[in-house]
């Protein structure tokens, strides 16, 4: 059985993280710090932030000055459709909705536009179970 999540994590190394907060207590911060330490490039997307994890923040996905690979969503589910529409406009490859973020209609819209969709899954947990080996 193909592991399409593992394939995504191996193929794409740039993550636009929508809703990334500079507060270390927020899940978006911890997950992004882990992914950054694991060799991924992080593009913070949050109109309330200037810089997060040493990376310049963009107000919206439309302001990201380069092609998008994976759009990781740390926003409430009701905001997902507008994020998906922006990701489609920007030519993103993957929509990744973090744990607790679920929007079936937006997922269907993204798939219809040719994007891969992961919903209600933590990118950190999915990465760790595939690529982190136990160290004794």
Protein backbone atom coordinates (compact mmCIF):
# COMPACT_ATOMS: atom_id res chain seq x y z
CA UNK A 1 0.00 0.00 0.00
CA UNK A 2 1.57 3.32 -1.03
CA UNK A 3 2.41 5.78 1.73
CA UNK A 4 1.33 9.04 0.08
CA UNK A 5 1.97 11.04 3.29
CA UNK A 6 5.56 9.75 3.42
CA UNK A 7 5.96 10.58 -0.28
CA UNK A 8 4.74 14.16 0.33
CA UNK A 9 7.12 14.59 3.28
CA UNK A 10 10.05 13.34 1.18
CA UNK A 11 9.23 15.28 -1.99
CA UNK A 12 8.28 18.72 -0.67
CA UNK A 13 10.54 20.66 1.69
CA UNK A 14 8.88 24.10 1.82
CA UNK A 15 5.94 24.57 4.19
CA UNK A 16 3.78 27.71 4.16
CA UNK A 17 2.29 27.59 7.68
CA UNK A 18 -0.99 29.52 7.85
CA UNK A 19 -1.69 30.71 11.38
CA UNK A 20 1.89 30.28 12.62
CA UNK A 21 2.27 32.10 15.95
CA UNK A 22 5.46 33.45 17.53
CA UNK A 23 4.23 32.23 20.93
CA UNK A 24 6.22 29.11 21.92
CA UNK A 25 3.16 27.77 23.81
CA UNK A 26 1.13 27.50 20.58
CA UNK A 27 1.06 24.17 18.72
CA UNK A 28 1.84 25.92 15.42
CA UNK A 29 5.14 27.18 16.88
CA UNK A 30 6.27 23.82 18.26
CA UNK A 31 5.32 21.91 15.12
CA UNK A 32 7.03 24.46 12.86
CA UNK A 33 10.17 24.52 15.03
CA UNK A 34 10.36 20.73 14.76
CA UNK A 35 9.88 20.78 10.97
CA UNK A 36 12.51 23.54 10.62
CA UNK A 37 14.96 21.46 12.69
CA UNK A 38 14.13 18.47 10.46
CA UNK A 39 15.35 20.30 7.35
CA UNK A 40 12.17 21.91 6.07
CA UNK A 41 11.85 25.54 5.05
CA UNK A 42 9.11 27.40 6.93
CA UNK A 43 7.20 30.36 5.51
CA UNK A 44 5.07 31.89 8.29
CA UNK A 45 1.69 33.20 7.08
CA UNK A 46 0.03 35.39 9.70
CA UNK A 47 -0.99 39.06 9.40
CA UNK A 48 -0.26 39.58 13.11
CA UNK A 49 3.38 38.49 12.93
CA UNK A 50 6.53 40.13 11.52
CA UNK A 51 8.96 37.21 12.00
CA UNK A 52 8.54 33.72 13.42
CA UNK A 53 11.40 31.26 14.00
CA UNK A 54 13.75 33.70 12.29
CA UNK A 55 11.64 33.70 9.11
CA UNK A 56 9.90 36.77 7.68
CA UNK A 57 6.14 36.39 7.92
CA UNK A 58 3.73 37.03 5.04
CA UNK A 59 0.31 38.51 5.76
CA UNK A 60 -1.48 36.13 3.36
CA UNK A 61 -0.68 33.22 1.06
CA UNK A 62 -1.11 35.60 -1.88
CA UNK A 63 1.85 37.63 -0.55
CA UNK A 64 4.24 34.67 -0.52
CA UNK A 65 6.77 35.67 -3.21
CA UNK A 66 7.49 32.15 -4.49
CA UNK A 67 5.70 29.00 -5.61
CA UNK A 68 3.97 27.08 -2.83
CA UNK A 69 4.53 23.41 -2.10
CA UNK A 70 2.72 22.43 1.11
CA UNK A 71 0.22 24.74 2.81
CA UNK A 72 -0.13 23.70 6.47
CA UNK A 73 -3.28 25.10 8.07
CA UNK A 74 -3.38 26.01 11.77
CA UNK A 75 -6.67 27.92 11.59
CA UNK A 76 -10.20 27.09 12.66
CA UNK A 77 -12.07 24.97 10.15
CA UNK A 78 -14.37 27.83 9.08
CA UNK A 79 -11.35 29.67 7.63
CA UNK A 80 -10.17 26.73 5.53
CA UNK A 81 -12.11 27.55 2.32
CA UNK A 82 -10.42 30.94 1.88
CA UNK A 83 -7.00 29.37 2.55
CA UNK A 84 -7.71 26.64 -0.01
CA UNK A 85 -8.77 29.21 -2.63
CA UNK A 86 -5.54 31.16 -2.08
CA UNK A 87 -3.50 27.93 -2.27
CA UNK A 88 -5.17 27.06 -5.58
CA UNK A 89 -4.44 30.57 -6.95
CA UNK A 90 -0.79 30.20 -5.92
CA UNK A 91 -0.40 26.76 -7.50
CA UNK A 92 0.25 24.87 -4.25
CA UNK A 93 0.76 21.11 -4.44
CA UNK A 94 -0.60 20.01 -1.05
CA UNK A 95 -3.13 21.22 1.53
CA UNK A 96 -2.34 19.90 5.00
CA UNK A 97 -5.01 20.50 7.65
CA UNK A 98 -3.62 19.96 11.15
CA UNK A 99 -5.34 17.84 13.81
CA UNK A 100 -8.83 19.13 14.51
CA UNK A 101 -8.98 21.07 11.24
CA UNK A 102 -11.64 19.50 9.04
CA UNK A 103 -13.51 20.91 6.05
CA UNK A 104 -14.83 18.33 3.57
CA UNK A 105 -16.09 20.84 0.98
CA UNK A 106 -12.77 22.70 0.89
CA UNK A 107 -10.89 19.39 0.68
CA UNK A 108 -13.07 18.35 -2.28
CA UNK A 109 -12.45 21.75 -3.95
CA UNK A 110 -8.68 21.38 -3.49
CA UNK A 111 -8.68 17.83 -4.90
CA UNK A 112 -10.76 18.99 -7.89
CA UNK A 113 -8.07 21.62 -8.55
CA UNK A 114 -5.36 18.93 -8.51
CA UNK A 115 -3.98 19.36 -4.99
CA UNK A 116 -3.29 16.50 -2.62
CA UNK A 117 -5.15 16.86 0.68
CA UNK A 118 -4.34 15.65 4.17
CA UNK A 119 -6.95 16.46 6.80
CA UNK A 120 -7.04 16.19 10.59
CA UNK A 121 -3.42 14.96 10.82
CA UNK A 122 -0.39 16.45 12.59
CA UNK A 123 2.56 16.95 10.23
CA UNK A 124 5.02 16.58 13.14
CA UNK A 125 3.55 13.22 14.23
CA UNK A 126 3.41 11.95 10.65
CA UNK A 127 7.04 12.98 10.06
CA UNK A 128 8.26 11.52 13.37
CA UNK A 129 6.66 8.12 12.82
CA UNK A 130 8.31 7.79 9.40
CA UNK A 131 11.69 9.46 9.79
CA UNK A 132 12.74 9.58 13.45
CA UNK A 133 14.57 6.51 14.69
CA UNK A 134 14.83 5.61 18.35
CA UNK A 135 18.08 6.68 19.97
CA UNK A 136 19.27 4.87 23.08
